[in-house]
């Protein structure tokens, strides 16, 4: 299954959680946007996790990967930085993985 499909399912699941529990989440990402003047504007930080959540007093970073997906060096560095700052970081490959971290019930 493609990472984009897994990510969409996870975001839908988190929206369902938000109906009954206090949670704040957003899809994060990095890249570049070309301006009308032809310059590139960088967005986000290199290696940033796909989804960030604030839940139960914790900052949780979710890196979405497909069945064979692996972290890049910049993602490994981001994991170290997030954990060093007191956050939690998880590699998730399914909604079931997220349910273990952020339960619906």
C-alpha atoms as a PDB file:
ATOM      1  CA  UNK A   1       0.000   0.000   0.000  1.00  0.00           C
ATOM      2  CA  UNK A   2       1.277   3.495  -0.835  1.00  0.00           C
ATOM      3  CA  UNK A   3       2.396   5.767   1.975  1.00  0.00           C
ATOM      4  CA  UNK A   4      -0.050   8.451   0.846  1.00  0.00           C
ATOM      5  CA  UNK A   5      -2.985   6.045   1.286  1.00  0.00           C
ATOM      6  CA  UNK A   6      -1.765   4.971   4.737  1.00  0.00           C
ATOM      7  CA  UNK A   7      -1.264   8.619   5.723  1.00  0.00           C
ATOM      8  CA  UNK A   8      -4.775   9.581   4.608  1.00  0.00           C
ATOM      9  CA  UNK A   9      -6.229   6.724   6.652  1.00  0.00           C
ATOM     10  CA  UNK A  10      -4.259   7.802   9.720  1.00  0.00           C
ATOM     11  CA  UNK A  11      -5.422  11.407   9.363  1.00  0.00           C
ATOM     12  CA  UNK A  12      -9.028  10.192   9.056  1.00  0.00           C
ATOM     13  CA  UNK A  13      -8.559   8.057  12.170  1.00  0.00           C
ATOM     14  CA  UNK A  14      -7.144  11.010  14.134  1.00  0.00           C
ATOM     15  CA  UNK A  15     -10.143  13.114  13.054  1.00  0.00           C
ATOM     16  CA  UNK A  16     -12.381  10.389  14.486  1.00  0.00           C
ATOM     17  CA  UNK A  17     -10.416  10.442  17.763  1.00  0.00           C
ATOM     18  CA  UNK A  18     -10.838  14.234  17.869  1.00  0.00           C
ATOM     19  CA  UNK A  19     -14.616  13.818  18.060  1.00  0.00           C
ATOM     20  CA  UNK A  20     -14.350  12.305  21.544  1.00  0.00           C
ATOM     21  CA  UNK A  21     -10.913  13.285  22.901  1.00  0.00           C
ATOM     22  CA  UNK A  22      -8.836  16.453  23.037  1.00  0.00           C
ATOM     23  CA  UNK A  23      -6.183  16.063  20.355  1.00  0.00           C
ATOM     24  CA  UNK A  24      -4.460  18.511  18.048  1.00  0.00           C
ATOM     25  CA  UNK A  25      -2.806  17.144  14.937  1.00  0.00           C
ATOM     26  CA  UNK A  26      -1.622  18.236  11.539  1.00  0.00           C
ATOM     27  CA  UNK A  27       0.126  16.884   8.502  1.00  0.00           C
ATOM     28  CA  UNK A  28       3.619  18.268   8.411  1.00  0.00           C
ATOM     29  CA  UNK A  29       6.134  18.117   5.639  1.00  0.00           C
ATOM     30  CA  UNK A  30       8.952  19.867   3.935  1.00  0.00           C
ATOM     31  CA  UNK A  31       9.741  20.768   0.393  1.00  0.00           C
ATOM     32  CA  UNK A  32       9.999  23.784  -1.838  1.00  0.00           C
ATOM     33  CA  UNK A  33       7.505  25.964  -3.651  1.00  0.00           C
ATOM     34  CA  UNK A  34       8.397  27.897  -6.775  1.00  0.00           C
ATOM     35  CA  UNK A  35       7.348  31.558  -6.577  1.00  0.00           C
ATOM     36  CA  UNK A  36       5.951  33.598  -9.449  1.00  0.00           C
ATOM     37  CA  UNK A  37       9.399  35.184  -9.737  1.00  0.00           C
ATOM     38  CA  UNK A  38      10.988  31.760 -10.311  1.00  0.00           C
ATOM     39  CA  UNK A  39      12.670  31.475  -6.932  1.00  0.00           C
ATOM     40  CA  UNK A  40      12.189  28.545  -4.586  1.00  0.00           C
ATOM     41  CA  UNK A  41      10.810  28.997  -1.089  1.00  0.00           C
ATOM     42  CA  UNK A  42      11.678  26.174   1.311  1.00  0.00           C
ATOM     43  CA  UNK A  43       8.966  24.911   3.649  1.00  0.00           C
ATOM     44  CA  UNK A  44       9.381  22.867   6.809  1.00  0.00           C
ATOM     45  CA  UNK A  45      12.569  21.281   8.090  1.00  0.00           C
ATOM     46  CA  UNK A  46      14.449  18.503   6.418  1.00  0.00           C
ATOM     47  CA  UNK A  47      13.434  15.133   7.879  1.00  0.00           C
ATOM     48  CA  UNK A  48      10.295  16.438   9.581  1.00  0.00           C
ATOM     49  CA  UNK A  49       7.766  13.734  10.465  1.00  0.00           C
ATOM     50  CA  UNK A  50       4.637  13.311   8.364  1.00  0.00           C
ATOM     51  CA  UNK A  51       2.150  13.956  11.190  1.00  0.00           C
ATOM     52  CA  UNK A  52       2.484  15.825  14.476  1.00  0.00           C
ATOM     53  CA  UNK A  53       0.051  15.345  17.346  1.00  0.00           C
ATOM     54  CA  UNK A  54      -0.468  16.923  20.733  1.00  0.00           C
ATOM     55  CA  UNK A  55      -2.273  14.356  22.828  1.00  0.00           C
ATOM     56  CA  UNK A  56      -2.512  13.608  26.529  1.00  0.00           C
ATOM     57  CA  UNK A  57       0.171  16.188  27.329  1.00  0.00           C
ATOM     58  CA  UNK A  58       2.625  14.682  24.841  1.00  0.00           C
ATOM     59  CA  UNK A  59       4.113  15.801  21.543  1.00  0.00           C
ATOM     60  CA  UNK A  60       3.953  12.799  19.227  1.00  0.00           C
ATOM     61  CA  UNK A  61       5.675  12.663  15.842  1.00  0.00           C
ATOM     62  CA  UNK A  62       4.437  10.017  13.407  1.00  0.00           C
ATOM     63  CA  UNK A  63       6.609   9.057  10.448  1.00  0.00           C
ATOM     64  CA  UNK A  64       4.454   7.133   7.969  1.00  0.00           C
ATOM     65  CA  UNK A  65       6.158   4.392   5.994  1.00  0.00           C
ATOM     66  CA  UNK A  66       4.941   1.761   3.570  1.00  0.00           C
ATOM     67  CA  UNK A  67       5.737  -1.909   4.152  1.00  0.00           C
ATOM     68  CA  UNK A  68       9.320  -1.573   2.877  1.00  0.00           C
ATOM     69  CA  UNK A  69       9.907   2.112   3.641  1.00  0.00           C
ATOM     70  CA  UNK A  70      13.030   3.152   5.543  1.00  0.00           C
ATOM     71  CA  UNK A  71      14.076   6.360   7.253  1.00  0.00           C
ATOM     72  CA  UNK A  72      16.398   8.773   5.519  1.00  0.00           C
ATOM     73  CA  UNK A  73      19.397  10.173   7.386  1.00  0.00           C
ATOM     74  CA  UNK A  74      17.561  13.479   7.891  1.00  0.00           C
ATOM     75  CA  UNK A  75      14.574  11.597   9.359  1.00  0.00           C
ATOM     76  CA  UNK A  76      16.873   9.745  11.766  1.00  0.00           C
ATOM     77  CA  UNK A  77      18.319  13.097  12.846  1.00  0.00           C
ATOM     78  CA  UNK A  78      14.816  14.527  13.323  1.00  0.00           C
ATOM     79  CA  UNK A  79      13.920  11.494  15.474  1.00  0.00           C
ATOM     80  CA  UNK A  80      16.959  12.123  17.687  1.00  0.00           C
ATOM     81  CA  UNK A  81      16.139  15.839  17.998  1.00  0.00           C
ATOM     82  CA  UNK A  82      12.473  15.235  18.831  1.00  0.00           C
ATOM     83  CA  UNK A  83      13.312  12.640  21.487  1.00  0.00           C
ATOM     84  CA  UNK A  84      16.065  14.859  22.946  1.00  0.00           C
ATOM     85  CA  UNK A  85      13.483  17.657  23.303  1.00  0.00           C
ATOM     86  CA  UNK A  86      11.132  15.332  25.222  1.00  0.00           C
ATOM     87  CA  UNK A  87       8.820  14.337  22.382  1.00  0.00           C
ATOM     88  CA  UNK A  88       7.818  10.895  21.217  1.00  0.00           C
ATOM     89  CA  UNK A  89       8.617   9.600  17.732  1.00  0.00           C
ATOM     90  CA  UNK A  90       7.123   6.574  16.019  1.00  0.00           C
ATOM     91  CA  UNK A  91       7.446   4.945  12.639  1.00  0.00           C
ATOM     92  CA  UNK A  92       3.948   3.779  11.716  1.00  0.00           C
ATOM     93  CA  UNK A  93       2.923   1.570   8.822  1.00  0.00           C
ATOM     94  CA  UNK A  94      -0.821   1.295   9.451  1.00  0.00           C
ATOM     95  CA  UNK A  95      -3.796   2.697  11.329  1.00  0.00           C
ATOM     96  CA  UNK A  96      -3.400  -0.258  13.703  1.00  0.00           C
ATOM     97  CA  UNK A  97       0.053   1.045  14.664  1.00  0.00           C
ATOM     98  CA  UNK A  98      -1.433   4.459  15.490  1.00  0.00           C
ATOM     99  CA  UNK A  99      -4.267   2.893  17.511  1.00  0.00           C
ATOM    100  CA  UNK A 100      -1.635   1.440  19.859  1.00  0.00           C
ATOM    101  CA  UNK A 101      -0.202   4.935  20.426  1.00  0.00           C
ATOM    102  CA  UNK A 102      -3.428   6.956  20.400  1.00  0.00           C
ATOM    103  CA  UNK A 103      -6.397   4.709  21.287  1.00  0.00           C
ATOM    104  CA  UNK A 104      -9.939   5.631  20.283  1.00  0.00           C
ATOM    105  CA  UNK A 105     -11.555   4.309  23.464  1.00  0.00           C
END
